[in-house]
């Protein structure tokens, strides 16, 4: 088996507006999960790994909100936030 791997680095870019939207939605979903007694971190990780929206409560419209975002947008916001708090 032969892999044709390019030596060029691909660029990935998300618009600032999408990042702000991701941040706001994550905060709302986090709050809804807490209100329902779930561990928000565990539920969000489950969602991000599986893509299954059943990890997110429908309380507070959280499931609909999280589905507005692509998982890569959420991951970008999480990585950015983590690295900026250094």
N, C-alpha and C. Protein backbone atom coordinates (compact mmCIF):
# COMPACT_ATOMS: atom_id res chain seq x y z
N UNK A 1 0.84 -1.17 0.00
CA UNK A 1 0.00 0.00 0.00
C UNK A 1 0.89 1.24 0.00
N UNK A 2 0.59 2.13 -0.86
CA UNK A 2 1.39 3.35 -1.01
C UNK A 2 0.53 4.56 -0.68
N UNK A 3 1.06 5.44 0.13
CA UNK A 3 0.37 6.67 0.50
C UNK A 3 1.02 7.82 -0.24
N UNK A 4 0.24 8.59 -0.93
CA UNK A 4 0.73 9.77 -1.63
C UNK A 4 0.51 10.98 -0.72
N UNK A 5 1.51 11.31 0.07
CA UNK A 5 1.37 12.39 1.04
C UNK A 5 2.05 13.63 0.49
N UNK A 6 1.30 14.68 0.39
CA UNK A 6 1.82 15.95 -0.10
C UNK A 6 2.71 16.58 0.96
N UNK A 7 3.74 17.26 0.53
CA UNK A 7 4.64 17.94 1.45
C UNK A 7 4.12 19.32 1.84
N UNK A 8 3.07 19.76 1.16
CA UNK A 8 2.53 21.08 1.46
C UNK A 8 1.58 21.01 2.64
N UNK A 9 1.60 22.05 3.45
CA UNK A 9 0.68 22.16 4.58
C UNK A 9 -0.60 22.80 4.11
N UNK A 10 -1.71 22.18 4.43
CA UNK A 10 -3.00 22.74 4.06
C UNK A 10 -3.38 23.84 5.04
N UNK A 11 -4.03 24.87 4.54
CA UNK A 11 -4.48 25.97 5.38
C UNK A 11 -5.94 25.75 5.75
N UNK A 12 -6.26 25.99 7.01
CA UNK A 12 -7.63 25.88 7.48
C UNK A 12 -7.97 27.21 8.14
N UNK A 13 -9.07 27.81 7.71
CA UNK A 13 -9.41 29.12 8.23
C UNK A 13 -10.91 29.22 8.44
N UNK A 14 -11.29 29.70 9.62
CA UNK A 14 -12.69 29.93 9.95
C UNK A 14 -12.86 31.42 10.16
N UNK A 15 -13.94 31.97 9.65
CA UNK A 15 -14.20 33.40 9.78
C UNK A 15 -14.42 33.77 11.25
N UNK A 16 -14.03 34.99 11.63
CA UNK A 16 -14.17 35.46 13.01
C UNK A 16 -15.61 35.39 13.49
N UNK A 17 -16.55 35.69 12.61
CA UNK A 17 -17.97 35.66 12.98
C UNK A 17 -18.38 34.24 13.39
N UNK A 18 -17.88 33.23 12.68
CA UNK A 18 -18.20 31.85 13.01
C UNK A 18 -17.59 31.45 14.35
N UNK A 19 -16.41 31.95 14.65
CA UNK A 19 -15.77 31.65 15.93
C UNK A 19 -16.57 32.26 17.06
N UNK A 20 -17.01 33.51 16.92
CA UNK A 20 -17.82 34.14 17.95
C UNK A 20 -19.13 33.40 18.15
N UNK A 21 -19.75 32.97 17.06
CA UNK A 21 -20.98 32.21 17.15
C UNK A 21 -20.72 30.89 17.88
N UNK A 22 -19.64 30.23 17.58
CA UNK A 22 -19.29 28.97 18.24
C UNK A 22 -19.13 29.18 19.73
N UNK A 23 -18.46 30.24 20.12
CA UNK A 23 -18.25 30.53 21.54
C UNK A 23 -19.59 30.73 22.25
N UNK A 24 -20.46 31.53 21.65
CA UNK A 24 -21.76 31.80 22.26
C UNK A 24 -22.59 30.53 22.39
N UNK A 25 -22.60 29.73 21.33
CA UNK A 25 -23.37 28.49 21.37
C UNK A 25 -22.80 27.53 22.40
N UNK A 26 -21.49 27.41 22.48
CA UNK A 26 -20.89 26.53 23.49
C UNK A 26 -21.28 26.95 24.90
N UNK A 27 -21.29 28.24 25.16
CA UNK A 27 -21.70 28.72 26.50
C UNK A 27 -23.16 28.37 26.78
N UNK A 28 -24.02 28.55 25.81
CA UNK A 28 -25.44 28.23 26.00
C UNK A 28 -25.66 26.73 26.21
N UNK A 29 -24.98 25.93 25.42
CA UNK A 29 -25.10 24.48 25.55
C UNK A 29 -24.54 24.02 26.89
N UNK A 30 -23.42 24.56 27.29
CA UNK A 30 -22.81 24.23 28.59
C UNK A 30 -23.79 24.52 29.72
N UNK A 31 -24.42 25.68 29.67
CA UNK A 31 -25.37 26.07 30.72
C UNK A 31 -26.58 25.13 30.73
N UNK A 32 -27.10 24.79 29.56
CA UNK A 32 -28.26 23.89 29.47
C UNK A 32 -27.92 22.51 30.04
N UNK A 33 -26.73 22.01 29.73
CA UNK A 33 -26.31 20.71 30.25
C UNK A 33 -26.18 20.75 31.77
N UNK A 34 -25.61 21.83 32.30
CA UNK A 34 -25.50 21.98 33.76
C UNK A 34 -26.87 22.02 34.40
N UNK A 35 -27.78 22.78 33.82
CA UNK A 35 -29.13 22.92 34.38
C UNK A 35 -29.84 21.57 34.46
N UNK A 36 -29.57 20.69 33.52
CA UNK A 36 -30.21 19.37 33.51
C UNK A 36 -29.45 18.34 34.33
N UNK A 37 -28.33 18.75 34.95
CA UNK A 37 -27.59 17.85 35.84
C UNK A 37 -26.54 16.99 35.16
N UNK A 38 -26.23 17.28 33.91
CA UNK A 38 -25.20 16.53 33.19
C UNK A 38 -23.83 17.15 33.44
N UNK A 39 -22.79 16.35 33.23
CA UNK A 39 -21.43 16.88 33.23
C UNK A 39 -21.19 17.44 31.82
N UNK A 40 -21.18 18.77 31.68
CA UNK A 40 -21.08 19.37 30.35
C UNK A 40 -19.84 18.97 29.57
N UNK A 41 -18.73 18.83 30.24
CA UNK A 41 -17.48 18.47 29.55
C UNK A 41 -17.61 17.07 28.95
N UNK A 42 -18.06 16.13 29.76
CA UNK A 42 -18.21 14.76 29.25
C UNK A 42 -19.19 14.69 28.08
N UNK A 43 -20.29 15.41 28.19
CA UNK A 43 -21.30 15.36 27.14
C UNK A 43 -20.77 15.99 25.85
N UNK A 44 -20.08 17.11 25.97
CA UNK A 44 -19.53 17.76 24.78
C UNK A 44 -18.45 16.91 24.13
N UNK A 45 -17.62 16.28 24.93
CA UNK A 45 -16.59 15.38 24.38
C UNK A 45 -17.26 14.22 23.65
N UNK A 46 -18.27 13.65 24.25
CA UNK A 46 -19.00 12.56 23.59
C UNK A 46 -19.56 13.01 22.26
N UNK A 47 -20.13 14.19 22.23
CA UNK A 47 -20.67 14.72 20.98
C UNK A 47 -19.57 14.95 19.95
N UNK A 48 -18.48 15.57 20.36
CA UNK A 48 -17.40 15.87 19.43
C UNK A 48 -16.76 14.61 18.85
N UNK A 49 -16.62 13.58 19.68
CA UNK A 49 -16.01 12.34 19.21
C UNK A 49 -16.93 11.54 18.30
N UNK A 50 -18.21 11.54 18.62
CA UNK A 50 -19.13 10.67 17.90
C UNK A 50 -19.95 11.39 16.82
N UNK A 51 -20.20 12.67 17.03
CA UNK A 51 -21.09 13.40 16.14
C UNK A 51 -22.55 13.15 16.45
N UNK A 52 -22.83 12.38 17.49
CA UNK A 52 -24.20 12.03 17.85
C UNK A 52 -24.81 13.13 18.72
N UNK A 53 -25.82 13.84 18.21
CA UNK A 53 -26.43 14.93 18.98
C UNK A 53 -27.18 14.46 20.23
N UNK A 54 -27.37 13.15 20.39
CA UNK A 54 -28.04 12.64 21.58
C UNK A 54 -27.24 12.94 22.85
N UNK A 55 -25.96 13.25 22.72
CA UNK A 55 -25.16 13.63 23.88
C UNK A 55 -25.54 15.00 24.42
N UNK A 56 -26.28 15.77 23.64
CA UNK A 56 -26.64 17.14 24.02
C UNK A 56 -28.13 17.19 24.33
N UNK A 57 -28.47 17.74 25.47
CA UNK A 57 -29.87 17.86 25.88
C UNK A 57 -30.64 18.78 24.92
N UNK A 58 -31.92 18.53 24.83
CA UNK A 58 -32.77 19.44 24.05
C UNK A 58 -33.23 20.62 24.91
N UNK A 59 -32.97 20.56 26.22
CA UNK A 59 -33.31 21.64 27.14
C UNK A 59 -32.68 22.95 26.66
N UNK A 60 -33.46 24.00 26.69
CA UNK A 60 -32.95 25.30 26.27
C UNK A 60 -32.56 25.37 24.81
N UNK A 61 -33.09 24.44 24.02
CA UNK A 61 -32.81 24.41 22.58
C UNK A 61 -31.33 24.09 22.29
N UNK A 62 -30.64 23.50 23.28
CA UNK A 62 -29.20 23.25 23.15
C UNK A 62 -28.85 22.33 21.99
N UNK A 63 -29.65 21.29 21.78
CA UNK A 63 -29.34 20.35 20.70
C UNK A 63 -29.45 21.02 19.34
N UNK A 64 -30.47 21.83 19.17
CA UNK A 64 -30.62 22.56 17.90
C UNK A 64 -29.49 23.56 17.71
N UNK A 65 -29.09 24.21 18.79
CA UNK A 65 -28.00 25.19 18.71
C UNK A 65 -26.69 24.53 18.28
N UNK A 66 -26.35 23.43 18.94
CA UNK A 66 -25.06 22.79 18.66
C UNK A 66 -25.01 22.26 17.23
N UNK A 67 -26.16 21.90 16.68
CA UNK A 67 -26.20 21.37 15.33
C UNK A 67 -26.06 22.47 14.27
N UNK A 68 -26.10 23.72 14.69
CA UNK A 68 -25.86 24.83 13.76
C UNK A 68 -24.38 24.92 13.38
N UNK A 69 -23.54 24.31 14.20
CA UNK A 69 -22.09 24.40 14.01
C UNK A 69 -21.53 23.09 13.48
N UNK A 70 -20.50 23.22 12.70
CA UNK A 70 -19.72 22.05 12.31
C UNK A 70 -18.81 21.72 13.49
N UNK A 71 -18.50 20.45 13.65
CA UNK A 71 -17.64 20.07 14.77
C UNK A 71 -16.26 20.71 14.67
N UNK A 72 -15.76 20.95 13.46
CA UNK A 72 -14.45 21.59 13.34
C UNK A 72 -14.49 23.03 13.86
N UNK A 73 -15.62 23.71 13.73
CA UNK A 73 -15.76 25.06 14.27
C UNK A 73 -15.68 25.03 15.80
N UNK A 74 -16.31 24.04 16.38
CA UNK A 74 -16.29 23.90 17.85
C UNK A 74 -14.87 23.60 18.31
N UNK A 75 -14.22 22.67 17.64
CA UNK A 75 -12.84 22.32 18.01
C UNK A 75 -11.91 23.51 17.89
N UNK A 76 -12.08 24.29 16.83
CA UNK A 76 -11.23 25.47 16.67
C UNK A 76 -11.42 26.44 17.84
N UNK A 77 -12.66 26.67 18.22
CA UNK A 77 -12.92 27.58 19.34
C UNK A 77 -12.32 27.04 20.63
N UNK A 78 -12.43 25.75 20.86
CA UNK A 78 -11.89 25.15 22.08
C UNK A 78 -10.37 25.25 22.12
N UNK A 79 -9.72 24.94 21.01
CA UNK A 79 -8.25 25.01 20.96
C UNK A 79 -7.79 26.45 21.14
N UNK A 80 -8.44 27.35 20.45
CA UNK A 80 -8.08 28.78 20.56
C UNK A 80 -8.21 29.26 22.00
N UNK A 81 -9.33 28.95 22.61
CA UNK A 81 -9.57 29.38 23.99
C UNK A 81 -8.53 28.79 24.94
N UNK A 82 -8.24 27.52 24.77
CA UNK A 82 -7.28 26.84 25.63
C UNK A 82 -5.89 27.48 25.50
N UNK A 83 -5.45 27.70 24.29
CA UNK A 83 -4.10 28.23 24.07
C UNK A 83 -3.98 29.69 24.48
N UNK A 84 -5.04 30.46 24.36
CA UNK A 84 -4.98 31.87 24.73
C UNK A 84 -4.98 32.09 26.23
N UNK A 85 -5.39 31.10 27.00
CA UNK A 85 -5.43 31.22 28.46
C UNK A 85 -4.10 30.84 29.10
N UNK A 86 -3.11 30.64 28.30
CA UNK A 86 -1.79 30.22 28.78
C UNK A 86 -1.17 31.22 29.70
